[in-house]
């Protein structure tokens, strides 16, 4: 079990979470950003919020390093998978050439 630690200012953490949520909503209303950049920003903000919740509300900031490594490993894998799948977010679906020929021959 973790040693005794000083009190956490939960209101400050809550305010940071609220600010990050407002930023997330704001990012969705920026028309100049492409879908890919919006997705990257939203994922980064969500990761920040997840870290705040895990560190302070789940008290992982005050736990041993071993427990932190156990929790961090799936998180790293998840982030890795999200960024590996990110190219699929930026591309629009294409119609197959076979389907396109079939549609053209009908006209």
PDB file of N, CA and C in Angstrom:
ATOM      1  N   UNK A   1       0.837  -1.176   0.000  1.00  0.00           N
ATOM      2  CA  UNK A   1       0.000   0.000   0.000  1.00  0.00           C
ATOM      3  C   UNK A   1       0.881   1.238   0.000  1.00  0.00           C
ATOM      4  N   UNK A   2       0.396   2.283  -0.525  1.00  0.00           N
ATOM      5  CA  UNK A   2       1.170   3.519  -0.620  1.00  0.00           C
ATOM      6  C   UNK A   2       1.294   4.178   0.753  1.00  0.00           C
ATOM      7  N   UNK A   3       2.332   4.961   0.879  1.00  0.00           N
ATOM      8  CA  UNK A   3       2.540   5.689   2.128  1.00  0.00           C
ATOM      9  C   UNK A   3       1.551   6.837   2.216  1.00  0.00           C
ATOM     10  N   UNK A   4       1.476   7.422   3.401  1.00  0.00           N
ATOM     11  CA  UNK A   4       0.598   8.568   3.601  1.00  0.00           C
ATOM     12  C   UNK A   4       1.082   9.724   2.730  1.00  0.00           C
ATOM     13  N   UNK A   5       0.161  10.405   2.102  1.00  0.00           N
ATOM     14  CA  UNK A   5       0.516  11.521   1.228  1.00  0.00           C
ATOM     15  C   UNK A   5      -0.304  12.735   1.610  1.00  0.00           C
ATOM     16  N   UNK A   6       0.146  13.864   1.112  1.00  0.00           N
ATOM     17  CA  UNK A   6      -0.578  15.090   1.454  1.00  0.00           C
ATOM     18  C   UNK A   6      -1.898  15.138   0.702  1.00  0.00           C
ATOM     19  N   UNK A   7      -2.803  15.943   1.178  1.00  0.00           N
ATOM     20  CA  UNK A   7      -4.147  16.032   0.609  1.00  0.00           C
ATOM     21  C   UNK A   7      -4.099  16.579  -0.812  1.00  0.00           C
ATOM     22  N   UNK A   8      -4.932  16.027  -1.647  1.00  0.00           N
ATOM     23  CA  UNK A   8      -5.032  16.462  -3.034  1.00  0.00           C
ATOM     24  C   UNK A   8      -6.106  17.524  -3.155  1.00  0.00           C
ATOM     25  N   UNK A   9      -5.824  18.534  -3.936  1.00  0.00           N
ATOM     26  CA  UNK A   9      -6.796  19.579  -4.189  1.00  0.00           C
ATOM     27  C   UNK A   9      -7.715  19.113  -5.327  1.00  0.00           C
ATOM     28  N   UNK A  10      -8.786  18.422  -4.961  1.00  0.00           N
ATOM     29  CA  UNK A  10      -9.690  17.852  -5.961  1.00  0.00           C
ATOM     30  C   UNK A  10     -10.412  18.929  -6.764  1.00  0.00           C
ATOM     31  N   UNK A  11     -10.646  20.067  -6.158  1.00  0.00           N
ATOM     32  CA  UNK A  11     -11.299  21.156  -6.898  1.00  0.00           C
ATOM     33  C   UNK A  11     -10.414  21.652  -8.034  1.00  0.00           C
ATOM     34  N   UNK A  12      -9.118  21.734  -7.817  1.00  0.00           N
ATOM     35  CA  UNK A  12      -8.199  22.169  -8.869  1.00  0.00           C
ATOM     36  C   UNK A  12      -8.185  21.148 -10.007  1.00  0.00           C
ATOM     37  N   UNK A  13      -8.189  19.875  -9.655  1.00  0.00           N
ATOM     38  CA  UNK A  13      -8.225  18.830 -10.685  1.00  0.00           C
ATOM     39  C   UNK A  13      -9.544  18.915 -11.449  1.00  0.00           C
ATOM     40  N   UNK A  14     -10.637  19.129 -10.743  1.00  0.00           N
ATOM     41  CA  UNK A  14     -11.943  19.251 -11.385  1.00  0.00           C
ATOM     42  C   UNK A  14     -11.964  20.445 -12.341  1.00  0.00           C
ATOM     43  N   UNK A  15     -11.373  21.559 -11.938  1.00  0.00           N
ATOM     44  CA  UNK A  15     -11.329  22.743 -12.807  1.00  0.00           C
ATOM     45  C   UNK A  15     -10.517  22.444 -14.066  1.00  0.00           C
ATOM     46  N   UNK A  16      -9.386  21.753 -13.917  1.00  0.00           N
ATOM     47  CA  UNK A  16      -8.598  21.368 -15.091  1.00  0.00           C
ATOM     48  C   UNK A  16      -9.399  20.467 -16.019  1.00  0.00           C
ATOM     49  N   UNK A  17     -10.142  19.533 -15.459  1.00  0.00           N
ATOM     50  CA  UNK A  17     -10.984  18.662 -16.279  1.00  0.00           C
ATOM     51  C   UNK A  17     -12.055  19.460 -17.014  1.00  0.00           C
ATOM     52  N   UNK A  18     -12.641  20.438 -16.337  1.00  0.00           N
ATOM     53  CA  UNK A  18     -13.651  21.284 -16.978  1.00  0.00           C
ATOM     54  C   UNK A  18     -13.037  22.112 -18.104  1.00  0.00           C
ATOM     55  N   UNK A  19     -11.854  22.665 -17.874  1.00  0.00           N
ATOM     56  CA  UNK A  19     -11.171  23.454 -18.900  1.00  0.00           C
ATOM     57  C   UNK A  19     -10.847  22.588 -20.115  1.00  0.00           C
ATOM     58  N   UNK A  20     -10.348  21.389 -19.885  1.00  0.00           N
ATOM     59  CA  UNK A  20     -10.048  20.492 -20.993  1.00  0.00           C
ATOM     60  C   UNK A  20     -11.313  20.103 -21.761  1.00  0.00           C
ATOM     61  N   UNK A  21     -12.423  19.932 -21.054  1.00  0.00           N
ATOM     62  CA  UNK A  21     -13.694  19.619 -21.716  1.00  0.00           C
ATOM     63  C   UNK A  21     -14.156  20.785 -22.577  1.00  0.00           C
ATOM     64  N   UNK A  22     -14.029  22.004 -22.064  1.00  0.00           N
ATOM     65  CA  UNK A  22     -14.400  23.189 -22.846  1.00  0.00           C
ATOM     66  C   UNK A  22     -13.518  23.296 -24.090  1.00  0.00           C
ATOM     67  N   UNK A  23     -12.229  22.995 -23.941  1.00  0.00           N
ATOM     68  CA  UNK A  23     -11.335  23.011 -25.102  1.00  0.00           C
ATOM     69  C   UNK A  23     -11.746  21.962 -26.130  1.00  0.00           C
ATOM     70  N   UNK A  24     -12.159  20.782 -25.654  1.00  0.00           N
ATOM     71  CA  UNK A  24     -12.611  19.740 -26.570  1.00  0.00           C
ATOM     72  C   UNK A  24     -13.821  20.207 -27.376  1.00  0.00           C
ATOM     73  N   UNK A  25     -14.763  20.817 -26.696  1.00  0.00           N
ATOM     74  CA  UNK A  25     -15.951  21.314 -27.395  1.00  0.00           C
ATOM     75  C   UNK A  25     -15.548  22.410 -28.375  1.00  0.00           C
ATOM     76  N   UNK A  26     -14.627  23.277 -27.971  1.00  0.00           N
ATOM     77  CA  UNK A  26     -14.171  24.354 -28.843  1.00  0.00           C
ATOM     78  C   UNK A  26     -13.481  23.841 -30.096  1.00  0.00           C
ATOM     79  N   UNK A  27     -12.707  22.788 -29.963  1.00  0.00           N
ATOM     80  CA  UNK A  27     -12.002  22.225 -31.116  1.00  0.00           C
ATOM     81  C   UNK A  27     -13.000  21.761 -32.176  1.00  0.00           C
ATOM     82  N   UNK A  28     -14.124  21.243 -31.768  1.00  0.00           N
ATOM     83  CA  UNK A  28     -15.094  20.734 -32.741  1.00  0.00           C
ATOM     84  C   UNK A  28     -15.722  21.855 -33.566  1.00  0.00           C
ATOM     85  N   UNK A  29     -15.667  23.093 -33.083  1.00  0.00           N
ATOM     86  CA  UNK A  29     -16.270  24.215 -33.795  1.00  0.00           C
ATOM     87  C   UNK A  29     -15.278  25.010 -34.628  1.00  0.00           C
ATOM     88  N   UNK A  30     -14.050  24.534 -34.794  1.00  0.00           N
ATOM     89  CA  UNK A  30     -13.056  25.232 -35.610  1.00  0.00           C
ATOM     90  C   UNK A  30     -13.166  24.685 -37.034  1.00  0.00           C
ATOM     91  N   UNK A  31     -13.761  25.462 -37.946  1.00  0.00           N
ATOM     92  CA  UNK A  31     -13.987  24.924 -39.301  1.00  0.00           C
ATOM     93  C   UNK A  31     -12.708  24.807 -40.127  1.00  0.00           C
ATOM     94  N   UNK A  32     -11.668  25.536 -39.788  1.00  0.00           N
ATOM     95  CA  UNK A  32     -10.433  25.517 -40.578  1.00  0.00           C
ATOM     96  C   UNK A  32      -9.631  24.230 -40.388  1.00  0.00           C
ATOM     97  N   UNK A  33      -9.887  23.503 -39.316  1.00  0.00           N
ATOM     98  CA  UNK A  33      -9.133  22.281 -39.037  1.00  0.00           C
ATOM     99  C   UNK A  33      -9.701  21.102 -39.818  1.00  0.00           C
ATOM    100  N   UNK A  34      -8.810  20.298 -40.360  1.00  0.00           N
ATOM    101  CA  UNK A  34      -9.256  19.088 -41.045  1.00  0.00           C
ATOM    102  C   UNK A  34      -9.707  18.061 -40.009  1.00  0.00           C
ATOM    103  N   UNK A  35     -10.372  17.049 -40.481  1.00  0.00           N
ATOM    104  CA  UNK A  35     -10.852  15.990 -39.593  1.00  0.00           C
ATOM    105  C   UNK A  35      -9.692  15.306 -38.881  1.00  0.00           C
ATOM    106  N   UNK A  36      -8.593  15.125 -39.594  1.00  0.00           N
ATOM    107  CA  UNK A  36      -7.430  14.467 -39.004  1.00  0.00           C
ATOM    108  C   UNK A  36      -6.860  15.283 -37.845  1.00  0.00           C
ATOM    109  N   UNK A  37      -6.692  16.581 -38.045  1.00  0.00           N
ATOM    110  CA  UNK A  37      -6.152  17.427 -36.971  1.00  0.00           C
ATOM    111  C   UNK A  37      -7.116  17.535 -35.791  1.00  0.00           C
ATOM    112  N   UNK A  38      -8.402  17.578 -36.075  1.00  0.00           N
ATOM    113  CA  UNK A  38      -9.392  17.594 -34.990  1.00  0.00           C
ATOM    114  C   UNK A  38      -9.287  16.310 -34.178  1.00  0.00           C
ATOM    115  N   UNK A  39      -9.169  15.190 -34.864  1.00  0.00           N
ATOM    116  CA  UNK A  39      -9.066  13.908 -34.166  1.00  0.00           C
ATOM    117  C   UNK A  39      -7.814  13.854 -33.300  1.00  0.00           C
ATOM    118  N   UNK A  40      -6.695  14.332 -33.833  1.00  0.00           N
ATOM    119  CA  UNK A  40      -5.449  14.337 -33.050  1.00  0.00           C
ATOM    120  C   UNK A  40      -5.589  15.213 -31.813  1.00  0.00           C
ATOM    121  N   UNK A  41      -6.143  16.409 -31.981  1.00  0.00           N
ATOM    122  CA  UNK A  41      -6.329  17.304 -30.831  1.00  0.00           C
ATOM    123  C   UNK A  41      -7.285  16.707 -29.803  1.00  0.00           C
ATOM    124  N   UNK A  42      -8.379  16.149 -30.268  1.00  0.00           N
ATOM    125  CA  UNK A  42      -9.355  15.575 -29.339  1.00  0.00           C
ATOM    126  C   UNK A  42      -8.779  14.380 -28.588  1.00  0.00           C
ATOM    127  N   UNK A  43      -7.993  13.567 -29.269  1.00  0.00           N
ATOM    128  CA  UNK A  43      -7.370  12.428 -28.601  1.00  0.00           C
ATOM    129  C   UNK A  43      -6.364  12.910 -27.565  1.00  0.00           C
ATOM    130  N   UNK A  44      -5.580  13.922 -27.904  1.00  0.00           N
ATOM    131  CA  UNK A  44      -4.599  14.451 -26.958  1.00  0.00           C
ATOM    132  C   UNK A  44      -5.283  15.027 -25.721  1.00  0.00           C
ATOM    133  N   UNK A  45      -6.364  15.751 -25.920  1.00  0.00           N
ATOM    134  CA  UNK A  45      -7.102  16.307 -24.775  1.00  0.00           C
ATOM    135  C   UNK A  45      -7.730  15.186 -23.936  1.00  0.00           C
ATOM    136  N   UNK A  46      -8.265  14.172 -24.589  1.00  0.00           N
ATOM    137  CA  UNK A  46      -8.858  13.046 -23.853  1.00  0.00           C
ATOM    138  C   UNK A  46      -7.804  12.278 -23.065  1.00  0.00           C
ATOM    139  N   UNK A  47      -6.607  12.138 -23.628  1.00  0.00           N
ATOM    140  CA  UNK A  47      -5.519  11.466 -22.909  1.00  0.00           C
ATOM    141  C   UNK A  47      -5.139  12.277 -21.671  1.00  0.00           C
ATOM    142  N   UNK A  48      -5.085  13.593 -21.821  1.00  0.00           N
ATOM    143  CA  UNK A  48      -4.792  14.449 -20.668  1.00  0.00           C
ATOM    144  C   UNK A  48      -5.832  14.298 -19.567  1.00  0.00           C
ATOM    145  N   UNK A  49      -7.093  14.267 -19.953  1.00  0.00           N
ATOM    146  CA  UNK A  49      -8.153  14.087 -18.965  1.00  0.00           C
ATOM    147  C   UNK A  49      -8.076  12.717 -18.309  1.00  0.00           C
ATOM    148  N   UNK A  50      -7.801  11.690 -19.097  1.00  0.00           N
ATOM    149  CA  UNK A  50      -7.691  10.339 -18.544  1.00  0.00           C
ATOM    150  C   UNK A  50      -6.538  10.259 -17.547  1.00  0.00           C
ATOM    151  N   UNK A  51      -5.431  10.912 -17.868  1.00  0.00           N
ATOM    152  CA  UNK A  51      -4.299  10.928 -16.939  1.00  0.00           C
ATOM    153  C   UNK A  51      -4.647  11.630 -15.634  1.00  0.00           C
ATOM    154  N   UNK A  52      -5.335  12.758 -15.719  1.00  0.00           N
ATOM    155  CA  UNK A  52      -5.739  13.458 -14.497  1.00  0.00           C
ATOM    156  C   UNK A  52      -6.633  12.585 -13.625  1.00  0.00           C
ATOM    157  N   UNK A  53      -7.605  11.939 -14.249  1.00  0.00           N
ATOM    158  CA  UNK A  53      -8.518  11.080 -13.486  1.00  0.00           C
ATOM    159  C   UNK A  53      -7.757   9.916 -12.864  1.00  0.00           C
ATOM    160  N   UNK A  54      -6.909   9.270 -13.653  1.00  0.00           N
ATOM    161  CA  UNK A  54      -6.174   8.108 -13.134  1.00  0.00           C
ATOM    162  C   UNK A  54      -5.206   8.511 -12.025  1.00  0.00           C
ATOM    163  N   UNK A  55      -4.510   9.612 -12.212  1.00  0.00           N
ATOM    164  CA  UNK A  55      -3.501  10.012 -11.228  1.00  0.00           C
ATOM    165  C   UNK A  55      -4.098  10.491  -9.914  1.00  0.00           C
ATOM    166  N   UNK A  56      -5.169  11.263  -9.992  1.00  0.00           N
ATOM    167  CA  UNK A  56      -5.677  11.884  -8.770  1.00  0.00           C
ATOM    168  C   UNK A  56      -6.923  11.216  -8.201  1.00  0.00           C
ATOM    169  N   UNK A  57      -7.915  10.940  -9.025  1.00  0.00           N
ATOM    170  CA  UNK A  57      -9.135  10.342  -8.494  1.00  0.00           C
ATOM    171  C   UNK A  57      -8.978   8.848  -8.228  1.00  0.00           C
ATOM    172  N   UNK A  58      -8.071   8.194  -8.958  1.00  0.00           N
ATOM    173  CA  UNK A  58      -7.786   6.786  -8.695  1.00  0.00           C
ATOM    174  C   UNK A  58      -6.553   6.635  -7.813  1.00  0.00           C
ATOM    175  N   UNK A  59      -5.968   7.740  -7.404  1.00  0.00           N
ATOM    176  CA  UNK A  59      -4.838   7.792  -6.468  1.00  0.00           C
ATOM    177  C   UNK A  59      -3.592   7.072  -6.964  1.00  0.00           C
ATOM    178  N   UNK A  60      -3.432   6.957  -8.277  1.00  0.00           N
ATOM    179  CA  UNK A  60      -2.254   6.272  -8.799  1.00  0.00           C
ATOM    180  C   UNK A  60      -0.988   7.106  -8.645  1.00  0.00           C
ATOM    181  N   UNK A  61      -1.147   8.392  -8.487  1.00  0.00           N
ATOM    182  CA  UNK A  61       0.018   9.256  -8.301  1.00  0.00           C
ATOM    183  C   UNK A  61       0.766   8.898  -7.023  1.00  0.00           C
ATOM    184  N   UNK A  62       0.074   8.340  -6.081  1.00  0.00           N
ATOM    185  CA  UNK A  62       0.665   8.060  -4.773  1.00  0.00           C
ATOM    186  C   UNK A  62       0.951   6.573  -4.559  1.00  0.00           C
ATOM    187  N   UNK A  63       0.792   5.761  -5.590  1.00  0.00           N
ATOM    188  CA  UNK A  63       1.034   4.328  -5.472  1.00  0.00           C
ATOM    189  C   UNK A  63       2.482   3.989  -5.819  1.00  0.00           C
ATOM    190  N   UNK A  64       2.825   2.729  -5.646  1.00  0.00           N
ATOM    191  CA  UNK A  64       4.178   2.286  -5.958  1.00  0.00           C
ATOM    192  C   UNK A  64       4.396   2.280  -7.469  1.00  0.00           C
ATOM    193  N   UNK A  65       5.646   2.246  -7.850  1.00  0.00           N
ATOM    194  CA  UNK A  65       5.987   2.268  -9.279  1.00  0.00           C
ATOM    195  C   UNK A  65       5.517   1.003  -9.987  1.00  0.00           C
ATOM    196  N   UNK A  66       5.498  -0.111  -9.292  1.00  0.00           N
ATOM    197  CA  UNK A  66       5.065  -1.363  -9.916  1.00  0.00           C
ATOM    198  C   UNK A  66       3.603  -1.279 -10.336  1.00  0.00           C
ATOM    199  N   UNK A  67       2.748  -0.776  -9.460  1.00  0.00           N
ATOM    200  CA  UNK A  67       1.336  -0.629  -9.807  1.00  0.00           C
ATOM    201  C   UNK A  67       1.176   0.370 -10.943  1.00  0.00           C
ATOM    202  N   UNK A  68       1.970   1.419 -10.935  1.00  0.00           N
ATOM    203  CA  UNK A  68       1.926   2.391 -12.029  1.00  0.00           C
ATOM    204  C   UNK A  68       2.300   1.763 -13.356  1.00  0.00           C
ATOM    205  N   UNK A  69       3.302   0.891 -13.358  1.00  0.00           N
ATOM    206  CA  UNK A  69       3.708   0.203 -14.589  1.00  0.00           C
ATOM    207  C   UNK A  69       2.621  -0.738 -15.074  1.00  0.00           C
ATOM    208  N   UNK A  70       1.939  -1.397 -14.137  1.00  0.00           N
ATOM    209  CA  UNK A  70       0.856  -2.310 -14.506  1.00  0.00           C
ATOM    210  C   UNK A  70      -0.292  -1.538 -15.158  1.00  0.00           C
ATOM    211  N   UNK A  71      -0.581  -0.362 -14.659  1.00  0.00           N
ATOM    212  CA  UNK A  71      -1.658   0.457 -15.210  1.00  0.00           C
ATOM    213  C   UNK A  71      -1.211   1.133 -16.501  1.00  0.00           C
ATOM    214  N   UNK A  72       0.026   1.532 -16.579  1.00  0.00           N
ATOM    215  CA  UNK A  72       0.524   2.287 -17.728  1.00  0.00           C
ATOM    216  C   UNK A  72       0.670   1.418 -18.983  1.00  0.00           C
ATOM    217  N   UNK A  73       0.976   0.148 -18.828  1.00  0.00           N
ATOM    218  CA  UNK A  73       1.214  -0.715 -19.981  1.00  0.00           C
ATOM    219  C   UNK A  73       0.004  -0.801 -20.919  1.00  0.00           C
ATOM    220  N   UNK A  74      -1.212  -1.106 -20.448  1.00  0.00           N
ATOM    221  CA  UNK A  74      -2.356  -1.127 -21.371  1.00  0.00           C
ATOM    222  C   UNK A  74      -2.649   0.255 -21.959  1.00  0.00           C
ATOM    223  N   UNK A  75      -2.396   1.290 -21.179  1.00  0.00           N
ATOM    224  CA  UNK A  75      -2.621   2.650 -21.667  1.00  0.00           C
ATOM    225  C   UNK A  75      -1.701   2.950 -22.851  1.00  0.00           C
ATOM    226  N   UNK A  76      -0.439   2.583 -22.747  1.00  0.00           N
ATOM    227  CA  UNK A  76       0.521   2.800 -23.834  1.00  0.00           C
ATOM    228  C   UNK A  76       0.109   2.000 -25.067  1.00  0.00           C
ATOM    229  N   UNK A  77      -0.322   0.769 -24.866  1.00  0.00           N
ATOM    230  CA  UNK A  77      -0.773  -0.049 -25.988  1.00  0.00           C
ATOM    231  C   UNK A  77      -1.992   0.584 -26.658  1.00  0.00           C
ATOM    232  N   UNK A  78      -2.905   1.093 -25.869  1.00  0.00           N
ATOM    233  CA  UNK A  78      -4.105   1.736 -26.409  1.00  0.00           C
ATOM    234  C   UNK A  78      -3.742   2.966 -27.230  1.00  0.00           C
ATOM    235  N   UNK A  79      -2.873   3.812 -26.701  1.00  0.00           N
ATOM    236  CA  UNK A  79      -2.448   5.009 -27.433  1.00  0.00           C
ATOM    237  C   UNK A  79      -1.736   4.621 -28.720  1.00  0.00           C
ATOM    238  N   UNK A  80      -0.894   3.605 -28.662  1.00  0.00           N
ATOM    239  CA  UNK A  80      -0.203   3.120 -29.846  1.00  0.00           C
ATOM    240  C   UNK A  80      -1.207   2.690 -30.915  1.00  0.00           C
ATOM    241  N   UNK A  81      -2.212   1.917 -30.530  1.00  0.00           N
ATOM    242  CA  UNK A  81      -3.203   1.449 -31.488  1.00  0.00           C
ATOM    243  C   UNK A  81      -4.011   2.598 -32.075  1.00  0.00           C
ATOM    244  N   UNK A  82      -4.345   3.570 -31.257  1.00  0.00           N
ATOM    245  CA  UNK A  82      -5.099   4.720 -31.754  1.00  0.00           C
ATOM    246  C   UNK A  82      -4.298   5.445 -32.834  1.00  0.00           C
ATOM    247  N   UNK A  83      -3.025   5.685 -32.576  1.00  0.00           N
ATOM    248  CA  UNK A  83      -2.225   6.402 -33.564  1.00  0.00           C
ATOM    249  C   UNK A  83      -1.898   5.546 -34.785  1.00  0.00           C
ATOM    250  N   UNK A  84      -1.848   4.246 -34.633  1.00  0.00           N
ATOM    251  CA  UNK A  84      -1.632   3.385 -35.785  1.00  0.00           C
ATOM    252  C   UNK A  84      -2.868   3.361 -36.688  1.00  0.00           C
ATOM    253  N   UNK A  85      -4.053   3.536 -36.105  1.00  0.00           N
ATOM    254  CA  UNK A  85      -5.282   3.554 -36.886  1.00  0.00           C
ATOM    255  C   UNK A  85      -5.669   4.951 -37.353  1.00  0.00           C
ATOM    256  N   UNK A  86      -4.906   5.955 -36.936  1.00  0.00           N
ATOM    257  CA  UNK A  86      -5.221   7.338 -37.278  1.00  0.00           C
ATOM    258  C   UNK A  86      -5.279   7.598 -38.789  1.00  0.00           C
ATOM    259  N   UNK A  87      -4.447   6.983 -39.625  1.00  0.00           N
ATOM    260  CA  UNK A  87      -4.570   7.259 -41.062  1.00  0.00           C
ATOM    261  C   UNK A  87      -5.953   6.939 -41.625  1.00  0.00           C
ATOM    262  N   UNK A  88      -6.648   6.001 -41.038  1.00  0.00           N
ATOM    263  CA  UNK A  88      -7.989   5.668 -41.519  1.00  0.00           C
ATOM    264  C   UNK A  88      -8.982   6.794 -41.269  1.00  0.00           C
ATOM    265  N   UNK A  89      -8.723   7.647 -40.305  1.00  0.00           N
ATOM    266  CA  UNK A  89      -9.630   8.745 -39.997  1.00  0.00           C
ATOM    267  C   UNK A  89      -9.564   9.815 -41.077  1.00  0.00           C
ATOM    268  N   UNK A  90      -8.376  10.048 -41.632  1.00  0.00           N
ATOM    269  CA  UNK A  90      -8.189  11.144 -42.565  1.00  0.00           C
ATOM    270  C   UNK A  90      -8.564  10.848 -43.999  1.00  0.00           C
ATOM    271  N   UNK A  91      -8.804   9.616 -44.341  1.00  0.00           N
ATOM    272  CA  UNK A  91      -9.092   9.265 -45.722  1.00  0.00           C
ATOM    273  C   UNK A  91     -10.575   9.055 -45.941  1.00  0.00           C
ATOM    274  N   UNK A  92     -11.054   9.534 -47.088  1.00  0.00           N
ATOM    275  CA  UNK A  92     -12.449   9.313 -47.446  1.00  0.00           C
ATOM    276  C   UNK A  92     -12.568   7.958 -48.139  1.00  0.00           C
ATOM    277  N   UNK A  93     -13.673   7.286 -47.975  1.00  0.00           N
ATOM    278  CA  UNK A  93     -13.820   5.987 -48.629  1.00  0.00           C
ATOM    279  C   UNK A  93     -13.832   6.146 -50.155  1.00  0.00           C
ATOM    280  N   UNK A  94     -13.205   5.221 -50.818  1.00  0.00           N
ATOM    281  CA  UNK A  94     -13.155   5.251 -52.279  1.00  0.00           C
ATOM    282  C   UNK A  94     -14.056   4.165 -52.830  1.00  0.00           C
ATOM    283  N   UNK A  95     -14.554   4.425 -54.012  1.00  0.00           N
ATOM    284  CA  UNK A  95     -15.376   3.413 -54.658  1.00  0.00           C
ATOM    285  C   UNK A  95     -14.459   2.483 -55.431  1.00  0.00           C
ATOM    286  N   UNK A  96     -14.753   1.220 -55.415  1.00  0.00           N
ATOM    287  CA  UNK A  96     -13.899   0.256 -56.104  1.00  0.00           C
ATOM    288  C   UNK A  96     -14.010   0.450 -57.612  1.00  0.00           C
ATOM    289  N   UNK A  97     -12.930   0.175 -58.359  1.00  0.00           N
ATOM    290  CA  UNK A  97     -12.978   0.330 -59.818  1.00  0.00           C
ATOM    291  C   UNK A  97     -14.009  -0.582 -60.477  1.00  0.00           C
ATOM    292  N   UNK A  98     -14.223  -1.755 -59.915  1.00  0.00           N
ATOM    293  CA  UNK A  98     -15.200  -2.685 -60.496  1.00  0.00           C
ATOM    294  C   UNK A  98     -16.598  -2.089 -60.397  1.00  0.00           C
ATOM    295  N   UNK A  99     -16.923  -1.538 -59.264  1.00  0.00           N
ATOM    296  CA  UNK A  99     -18.234  -0.918 -59.059  1.00  0.00           C
ATOM    297  C   UNK A  99     -18.395   0.293 -59.979  1.00  0.00           C
ATOM    298  N   UNK A 100     -17.358   1.094 -60.148  1.00  0.00           N
ATOM    299  CA  UNK A 100     -17.424   2.280 -61.000  1.00  0.00           C
ATOM    300  C   UNK A 100     -17.687   1.880 -62.453  1.00  0.00           C
ATOM    301  N   UNK A 101     -17.051   0.807 -62.953  1.00  0.00           N
ATOM    302  CA  UNK A 101     -17.275   0.356 -64.329  1.00  0.00           C
ATOM    303  C   UNK A 101     -18.712  -0.114 -64.506  1.00  0.00           C
ATOM    304  N   UNK A 102     -19.232  -0.811 -63.518  1.00  0.00           N
ATOM    305  CA  UNK A 102     -20.595  -1.324 -63.591  1.00  0.00           C
ATOM    306  C   UNK A 102     -21.607  -0.168 -63.667  1.00  0.00           C
ATOM    307  N   UNK A 103     -21.378   0.865 -62.890  1.00  0.00           N
ATOM    308  CA  UNK A 103     -22.288   2.024 -62.884  1.00  0.00           C
ATOM    309  C   UNK A 103     -22.203   2.742 -64.220  1.00  0.00           C
ATOM    310  N   UNK A 104     -21.009   2.910 -64.801  1.00  0.00           N
ATOM    311  CA  UNK A 104     -20.848   3.601 -66.072  1.00  0.00           C
ATOM    312  C   UNK A 104     -21.491   2.830 -67.222  1.00  0.00           C
ATOM    313  N   UNK A 105     -21.437   1.518 -67.183  1.00  0.00           N
ATOM    314  CA  UNK A 105     -22.001   0.717 -68.273  1.00  0.00           C
ATOM    315  C   UNK A 105     -23.528   0.732 -68.264  1.00  0.00           C
ATOM    316  N   UNK A 106     -24.140   1.033 -67.121  1.00  0.00           N
ATOM    317  CA  UNK A 106     -25.594   1.104 -67.033  1.00  0.00           C
ATOM    318  C   UNK A 106     -26.152   2.332 -67.708  1.00  0.00           C
ATOM    319  N   UNK A 107     -25.335   3.357 -67.873  1.00  0.00           N
ATOM    320  CA  UNK A 107     -25.845   4.624 -68.424  1.00  0.00           C
ATOM    321  C   UNK A 107     -25.694   4.689 -69.874  1.00  0.00           C
TER     322      UNK A 107
END
